[in-house]
Amino acid sequence: MTFDKTIPILRIFSPEKAEEFYVGYLGFAVDWQHRFEEGTPIYMQVSKGDLTLHLTEHHGDCCPGSTVFVATRGLDGFYEELAAKDYRHLNPSIEVAPWGDRLLEVIDPFGNRIRFNEARDVVI
């Protein structure tokens, strides 16, 4: 058996707020969206580089307030990209994690956390 890719699923409550955060702030692209019919919950895929996330309004898919840990390189550039944006709900910084790596954590409007972790041996 081999595993090709893991795609976390995060609970959202508003596609508009999700797009404002994931696309407008974090710089992800919306790859696709699905609804069974007009007015039903949305399920969508967003991605940035090799990172893919599924966002869902469906209550049975997952719980709000989840955490995704993302092994990252180029954390300083990503931080600069975020710092240059006018997003009034969040102003993250790079911190040294208790395990010695560098960490930038963002929290989406639905309480989900994404921890971008840069291992200390890849810092340039």
N, C-alpha and C. Protein backbone atom coordinates (compact mmCIF):
# COMPACT_ATOMS: atom_id res chain seq x y z
N MET A 1 0.83 -1.17 0.00
CA MET A 1 0.00 0.00 0.00
C MET A 1 0.88 1.24 0.00
N THR A 2 0.47 2.27 -0.75
CA THR A 2 1.15 3.56 -0.73
C THR A 2 0.11 4.65 -0.49
N PHE A 3 0.56 5.75 0.05
CA PHE A 3 -0.32 6.89 0.28
C PHE A 3 0.17 8.02 -0.60
N ASP A 4 -0.71 8.58 -1.38
CA ASP A 4 -0.32 9.64 -2.32
C ASP A 4 -0.38 11.02 -1.71
N LYS A 5 -1.44 11.33 -0.97
CA LYS A 5 -1.61 12.68 -0.44
C LYS A 5 -2.66 12.67 0.65
N THR A 6 -2.50 13.53 1.63
CA THR A 6 -3.49 13.73 2.67
C THR A 6 -4.15 15.08 2.44
N ILE A 7 -5.47 15.13 2.48
CA ILE A 7 -6.18 16.39 2.31
C ILE A 7 -7.07 16.61 3.53
N PRO A 8 -6.69 17.54 4.40
CA PRO A 8 -7.52 17.84 5.57
C PRO A 8 -8.87 18.45 5.15
N ILE A 9 -9.90 18.14 5.92
CA ILE A 9 -11.22 18.72 5.71
C ILE A 9 -11.52 19.61 6.91
N LEU A 10 -11.86 20.87 6.63
CA LEU A 10 -12.15 21.84 7.68
C LEU A 10 -13.59 22.32 7.57
N ARG A 11 -14.24 22.46 8.71
CA ARG A 11 -15.63 22.91 8.76
C ARG A 11 -15.68 24.42 8.62
N ILE A 12 -16.58 24.90 7.76
CA ILE A 12 -16.84 26.33 7.59
C ILE A 12 -18.33 26.58 7.75
N PHE A 13 -18.69 27.84 7.97
CA PHE A 13 -20.09 28.20 8.12
C PHE A 13 -20.54 29.25 7.12
N SER A 14 -19.61 29.77 6.33
CA SER A 14 -19.91 30.81 5.35
C SER A 14 -18.90 30.73 4.22
N PRO A 15 -19.35 30.42 2.99
CA PRO A 15 -18.42 30.39 1.86
C PRO A 15 -17.78 31.76 1.62
N GLU A 16 -18.53 32.82 1.86
CA GLU A 16 -18.00 34.17 1.64
C GLU A 16 -16.84 34.48 2.60
N LYS A 17 -17.05 34.17 3.88
CA LYS A 17 -15.98 34.39 4.87
C LYS A 17 -14.80 33.46 4.60
N ALA A 18 -15.08 32.23 4.17
CA ALA A 18 -14.01 31.29 3.84
C ALA A 18 -13.16 31.82 2.69
N GLU A 19 -13.79 32.32 1.65
CA GLU A 19 -13.05 32.86 0.52
C GLU A 19 -12.29 34.12 0.90
N GLU A 20 -12.88 34.96 1.74
CA GLU A 20 -12.17 36.16 2.20
C GLU A 20 -10.88 35.76 2.91
N PHE A 21 -10.93 34.73 3.75
CA PHE A 21 -9.77 34.30 4.51
C PHE A 21 -8.79 33.49 3.66
N TYR A 22 -9.26 32.40 3.07
CA TYR A 22 -8.36 31.48 2.38
C TYR A 22 -7.83 32.03 1.06
N VAL A 23 -8.67 32.73 0.31
CA VAL A 23 -8.25 33.28 -0.98
C VAL A 23 -7.68 34.68 -0.80
N GLY A 24 -8.49 35.58 -0.20
CA GLY A 24 -8.07 36.97 -0.08
C GLY A 24 -6.88 37.18 0.84
N TYR A 25 -6.84 36.47 1.96
CA TYR A 25 -5.76 36.67 2.94
C TYR A 25 -4.61 35.70 2.75
N LEU A 26 -4.88 34.39 2.75
CA LEU A 26 -3.79 33.41 2.67
C LEU A 26 -3.26 33.20 1.25
N GLY A 27 -4.01 33.60 0.24
CA GLY A 27 -3.53 33.48 -1.13
C GLY A 27 -3.79 32.13 -1.78
N PHE A 28 -4.73 31.37 -1.26
CA PHE A 28 -5.13 30.11 -1.88
C PHE A 28 -5.98 30.40 -3.12
N ALA A 29 -6.14 29.41 -3.97
CA ALA A 29 -7.06 29.48 -5.11
C ALA A 29 -8.21 28.51 -4.85
N VAL A 30 -9.40 28.87 -5.30
CA VAL A 30 -10.52 27.93 -5.25
C VAL A 30 -10.41 27.04 -6.48
N ASP A 31 -10.21 25.74 -6.25
CA ASP A 31 -10.06 24.79 -7.35
C ASP A 31 -11.42 24.35 -7.89
N TRP A 32 -12.34 24.11 -6.98
CA TRP A 32 -13.70 23.75 -7.37
C TRP A 32 -14.63 23.87 -6.17
N GLN A 33 -15.93 23.96 -6.48
CA GLN A 33 -16.98 24.03 -5.46
C GLN A 33 -18.12 23.10 -5.87
N HIS A 34 -18.80 22.54 -4.88
CA HIS A 34 -19.93 21.66 -5.19
C HIS A 34 -21.08 21.91 -4.21
N ARG A 35 -22.27 21.98 -4.76
CA ARG A 35 -23.52 21.97 -3.99
C ARG A 35 -24.45 20.97 -4.68
N PHE A 36 -25.21 20.24 -3.90
CA PHE A 36 -26.16 19.31 -4.51
C PHE A 36 -27.25 20.06 -5.26
N GLU A 37 -27.63 21.22 -4.72
CA GLU A 37 -28.57 22.11 -5.40
C GLU A 37 -28.49 23.47 -4.72
N GLU A 38 -29.06 24.48 -5.35
CA GLU A 38 -29.03 25.84 -4.82
C GLU A 38 -29.55 25.87 -3.38
N GLY A 39 -28.83 26.56 -2.51
CA GLY A 39 -29.25 26.70 -1.12
C GLY A 39 -28.80 25.59 -0.19
N THR A 40 -28.13 24.58 -0.72
CA THR A 40 -27.63 23.49 0.13
C THR A 40 -26.17 23.79 0.52
N PRO A 41 -25.64 23.09 1.52
CA PRO A 41 -24.26 23.35 1.96
C PRO A 41 -23.24 23.17 0.84
N ILE A 42 -22.18 23.94 0.95
CA ILE A 42 -21.12 23.89 -0.06
C ILE A 42 -19.97 23.01 0.42
N TYR A 43 -19.30 22.40 -0.53
CA TYR A 43 -18.07 21.65 -0.30
C TYR A 43 -17.10 22.18 -1.36
N MET A 44 -15.91 22.61 -0.94
CA MET A 44 -14.98 23.19 -1.90
C MET A 44 -13.55 22.76 -1.64
N GLN A 45 -12.74 22.88 -2.67
CA GLN A 45 -11.32 22.62 -2.54
C GLN A 45 -10.57 23.91 -2.80
N VAL A 46 -9.62 24.23 -1.90
CA VAL A 46 -8.72 25.36 -2.09
C VAL A 46 -7.29 24.83 -2.03
N SER A 47 -6.38 25.53 -2.72
CA SER A 47 -4.99 25.08 -2.71
C SER A 47 -4.06 26.27 -2.87
N LYS A 48 -2.85 26.05 -2.38
CA LYS A 48 -1.75 27.00 -2.53
C LYS A 48 -0.50 26.15 -2.65
N GLY A 49 0.13 26.18 -3.81
CA GLY A 49 1.28 25.30 -4.04
C GLY A 49 0.86 23.85 -3.88
N ASP A 50 1.59 23.11 -3.08
CA ASP A 50 1.30 21.69 -2.86
C ASP A 50 0.31 21.45 -1.72
N LEU A 51 -0.16 22.51 -1.07
CA LEU A 51 -1.10 22.36 0.04
C LEU A 51 -2.54 22.43 -0.47
N THR A 52 -3.30 21.39 -0.20
CA THR A 52 -4.71 21.32 -0.60
C THR A 52 -5.55 21.12 0.64
N LEU A 53 -6.64 21.89 0.73
CA LEU A 53 -7.60 21.77 1.83
C LEU A 53 -9.00 21.62 1.25
N HIS A 54 -9.82 20.86 1.93
CA HIS A 54 -11.24 20.81 1.62
C HIS A 54 -11.99 21.57 2.70
N LEU A 55 -12.91 22.41 2.29
CA LEU A 55 -13.72 23.22 3.20
C LEU A 55 -15.16 22.80 3.02
N THR A 56 -15.86 22.56 4.13
CA THR A 56 -17.21 22.03 4.03
C THR A 56 -18.17 22.71 4.99
N GLU A 57 -19.39 22.93 4.51
CA GLU A 57 -20.48 23.40 5.37
C GLU A 57 -21.31 22.22 5.89
N HIS A 58 -21.04 21.03 5.41
CA HIS A 58 -21.80 19.85 5.81
C HIS A 58 -21.47 19.48 7.26
N HIS A 59 -22.48 19.45 8.12
CA HIS A 59 -22.23 19.26 9.55
C HIS A 59 -21.66 17.88 9.90
N GLY A 60 -21.87 16.88 9.12
CA GLY A 60 -21.39 15.54 9.44
C GLY A 60 -19.98 15.25 8.97
N ASP A 61 -19.36 16.15 8.24
CA ASP A 61 -18.04 15.89 7.67
C ASP A 61 -16.91 15.99 8.70
N CYS A 62 -17.00 16.96 9.59
CA CYS A 62 -15.93 17.18 10.57
C CYS A 62 -16.40 18.20 11.60
N CYS A 63 -15.58 18.41 12.61
CA CYS A 63 -15.91 19.34 13.68
C CYS A 63 -15.20 20.67 13.47
N PRO A 64 -15.85 21.77 13.79
CA PRO A 64 -15.14 23.06 13.75
C PRO A 64 -14.07 23.09 14.83
N GLY A 65 -13.09 23.94 14.65
CA GLY A 65 -12.03 24.08 15.65
C GLY A 65 -10.92 23.07 15.50
N SER A 66 -10.71 22.54 14.30
CA SER A 66 -9.64 21.57 14.06
C SER A 66 -8.30 22.27 13.89
N THR A 67 -7.23 21.48 13.90
CA THR A 67 -5.89 22.01 13.67
C THR A 67 -5.22 21.20 12.58
N VAL A 68 -4.58 21.90 11.65
CA VAL A 68 -3.80 21.26 10.58
C VAL A 68 -2.35 21.69 10.76
N PHE A 69 -1.46 20.74 10.76
CA PHE A 69 -0.01 20.99 10.89
C PHE A 69 0.60 20.86 9.50
N VAL A 70 1.26 21.91 9.03
CA VAL A 70 1.81 21.93 7.67
C VAL A 70 3.32 22.12 7.72
N ALA A 71 4.07 21.11 7.30
CA ALA A 71 5.53 21.25 7.18
C ALA A 71 5.80 22.21 6.03
N THR A 72 6.60 23.23 6.31
CA THR A 72 6.75 24.36 5.41
C THR A 72 8.21 24.72 5.21
N ARG A 73 8.53 25.26 4.04
CA ARG A 73 9.80 25.93 3.77
C ARG A 73 9.47 27.31 3.23
N GLY A 74 10.30 28.30 3.53
CA GLY A 74 10.05 29.65 3.05
C GLY A 74 9.07 30.42 3.92
N LEU A 75 9.11 30.16 5.21
CA LEU A 75 8.17 30.78 6.15
C LEU A 75 8.29 32.30 6.18
N ASP A 76 9.51 32.82 6.07
CA ASP A 76 9.68 34.28 6.10
C ASP A 76 8.96 34.95 4.93
N GLY A 77 9.05 34.38 3.75
CA GLY A 77 8.37 34.94 2.59
C GLY A 77 6.86 34.91 2.75
N PHE A 78 6.34 33.83 3.29
CA PHE A 78 4.91 33.72 3.53
C PHE A 78 4.46 34.74 4.57
N TYR A 79 5.26 34.90 5.63
CA TYR A 79 4.94 35.91 6.64
C TYR A 79 4.90 37.31 6.02
N GLU A 80 5.87 37.63 5.20
CA GLU A 80 5.89 38.95 4.55
C GLU A 80 4.68 39.15 3.65
N GLU A 81 4.27 38.10 2.97
CA GLU A 81 3.08 38.15 2.13
C GLU A 81 1.84 38.48 2.97
N LEU A 82 1.69 37.82 4.11
CA LEU A 82 0.55 38.07 4.99
C LEU A 82 0.62 39.46 5.62
N ALA A 83 1.81 39.87 6.06
CA ALA A 83 1.97 41.15 6.73
C ALA A 83 1.65 42.32 5.79
N ALA A 84 1.81 42.12 4.49
CA ALA A 84 1.55 43.18 3.51
C ALA A 84 0.06 43.36 3.24
N LYS A 85 -0.77 42.45 3.72
CA LYS A 85 -2.21 42.52 3.46
C LYS A 85 -2.94 43.21 4.60
N ASP A 86 -4.02 43.86 4.25
CA ASP A 86 -4.83 44.56 5.24
C ASP A 86 -5.97 43.63 5.65
N TYR A 87 -5.67 42.72 6.56
CA TYR A 87 -6.68 41.80 7.08
C TYR A 87 -6.85 42.11 8.56
N ARG A 88 -7.95 42.74 8.90
CA ARG A 88 -8.11 43.28 10.25
C ARG A 88 -8.37 42.25 11.34
N HIS A 89 -8.65 41.01 10.98
CA HIS A 89 -9.02 40.00 11.97
C HIS A 89 -7.84 39.19 12.52
N LEU A 90 -6.65 39.35 11.92
CA LEU A 90 -5.54 38.50 12.32
C LEU A 90 -4.22 39.17 11.96
N ASN A 91 -3.25 39.04 12.83
CA ASN A 91 -1.91 39.58 12.59
C ASN A 91 -0.89 38.60 13.17
N PRO A 92 -0.68 37.46 12.50
CA PRO A 92 0.20 36.42 13.06
C PRO A 92 1.67 36.81 12.98
N SER A 93 2.47 36.14 13.79
CA SER A 93 3.92 36.34 13.75
C SER A 93 4.59 34.97 13.76
N ILE A 94 5.86 34.98 13.41
CA ILE A 94 6.65 33.75 13.47
C ILE A 94 7.19 33.62 14.88
N GLU A 95 6.99 32.45 15.48
CA GLU A 95 7.47 32.19 16.83
C GLU A 95 8.34 30.94 16.83
N VAL A 96 9.15 30.80 17.84
CA VAL A 96 9.92 29.57 18.01
C VAL A 96 9.05 28.62 18.83
N ALA A 97 8.77 27.46 18.25
CA ALA A 97 7.93 26.46 18.90
C ALA A 97 8.70 25.78 20.04
N PRO A 98 8.00 25.18 20.99
CA PRO A 98 8.68 24.48 22.10
C PRO A 98 9.64 23.39 21.61
N TRP A 99 9.43 22.85 20.43
CA TRP A 99 10.31 21.81 19.89
C TRP A 99 11.45 22.40 19.07
N GLY A 100 11.57 23.75 19.02
CA GLY A 100 12.70 24.41 18.40
C GLY A 100 12.51 24.85 16.96
N ASP A 101 11.44 24.45 16.30
CA ASP A 101 11.17 24.87 14.93
C ASP A 101 10.53 26.26 14.94
N ARG A 102 10.42 26.86 13.76
CA ARG A 102 9.75 28.14 13.62
C ARG A 102 8.31 27.88 13.19
N LEU A 103 7.40 28.63 13.76
CA LEU A 103 5.97 28.35 13.59
C LEU A 103 5.20 29.64 13.36
N LEU A 104 4.30 29.60 12.37
CA LEU A 104 3.36 30.68 12.14
C LEU A 104 1.97 30.05 12.15
N GLU A 105 1.14 30.48 13.08
CA GLU A 105 -0.19 29.89 13.21
C GLU A 105 -1.25 30.92 12.81
N VAL A 106 -2.20 30.48 11.98
CA VAL A 106 -3.34 31.32 11.62
C VAL A 106 -4.61 30.61 12.08
N ILE A 107 -5.62 31.39 12.39
CA ILE A 107 -6.91 30.86 12.82
C ILE A 107 -7.97 31.42 11.87
N ASP A 108 -8.70 30.53 11.22
CA ASP A 108 -9.71 31.00 10.27
C ASP A 108 -10.95 31.50 11.02
N PRO A 109 -11.91 32.10 10.32
CA PRO A 109 -13.09 32.66 10.98
C PRO A 109 -13.97 31.62 11.68
N PHE A 110 -13.67 30.34 11.52
CA PHE A 110 -14.49 29.27 12.07
C PHE A 110 -13.77 28.53 13.21
N GLY A 111 -12.63 29.06 13.63
CA GLY A 111 -11.90 28.48 14.75
C GLY A 111 -10.90 27.40 14.36
N ASN A 112 -10.73 27.14 13.08
CA ASN A 112 -9.75 26.15 12.63
C ASN A 112 -8.36 26.79 12.62
N ARG A 113 -7.37 26.03 13.06
CA ARG A 113 -5.99 26.53 13.12
C ARG A 113 -5.15 25.83 12.06
N ILE A 114 -4.30 26.62 11.41
CA ILE A 114 -3.32 26.04 10.50
C ILE A 114 -1.96 26.46 11.04
N ARG A 115 -1.15 25.47 11.36
CA ARG A 115 0.19 25.71 11.91
C ARG A 115 1.22 25.44 10.81
N PHE A 116 1.81 26.51 10.30
CA PHE A 116 2.86 26.40 9.30
C PHE A 116 4.18 26.27 10.05
N ASN A 117 4.79 25.11 9.96
CA ASN A 117 5.99 24.78 10.74
C ASN A 117 7.20 24.65 9.82
N GLU A 118 8.23 25.44 10.10
CA GLU A 118 9.48 25.33 9.35
C GLU A 118 10.52 24.71 10.27
N ALA A 119 10.99 23.53 9.90
CA ALA A 119 11.99 22.84 10.71
C ALA A 119 13.26 23.67 10.79
N ARG A 120 13.90 23.64 11.93
CA ARG A 120 15.08 24.50 12.14
C ARG A 120 16.21 24.17 11.18
N ASP A 121 16.27 22.95 10.66
CA ASP A 121 17.37 22.62 9.73
C ASP A 121 17.14 23.12 8.31
N VAL A 122 15.98 23.75 8.01
CA VAL A 122 15.77 24.29 6.66
C VAL A 122 15.78 25.82 6.66
N VAL A 123 15.96 26.45 7.79
CA VAL A 123 15.99 27.90 7.85
C VAL A 123 17.22 28.40 7.12
N ILE A 124 17.03 29.35 6.24
CA ILE A 124 18.13 29.89 5.42
C ILE A 124 18.70 31.14 6.06
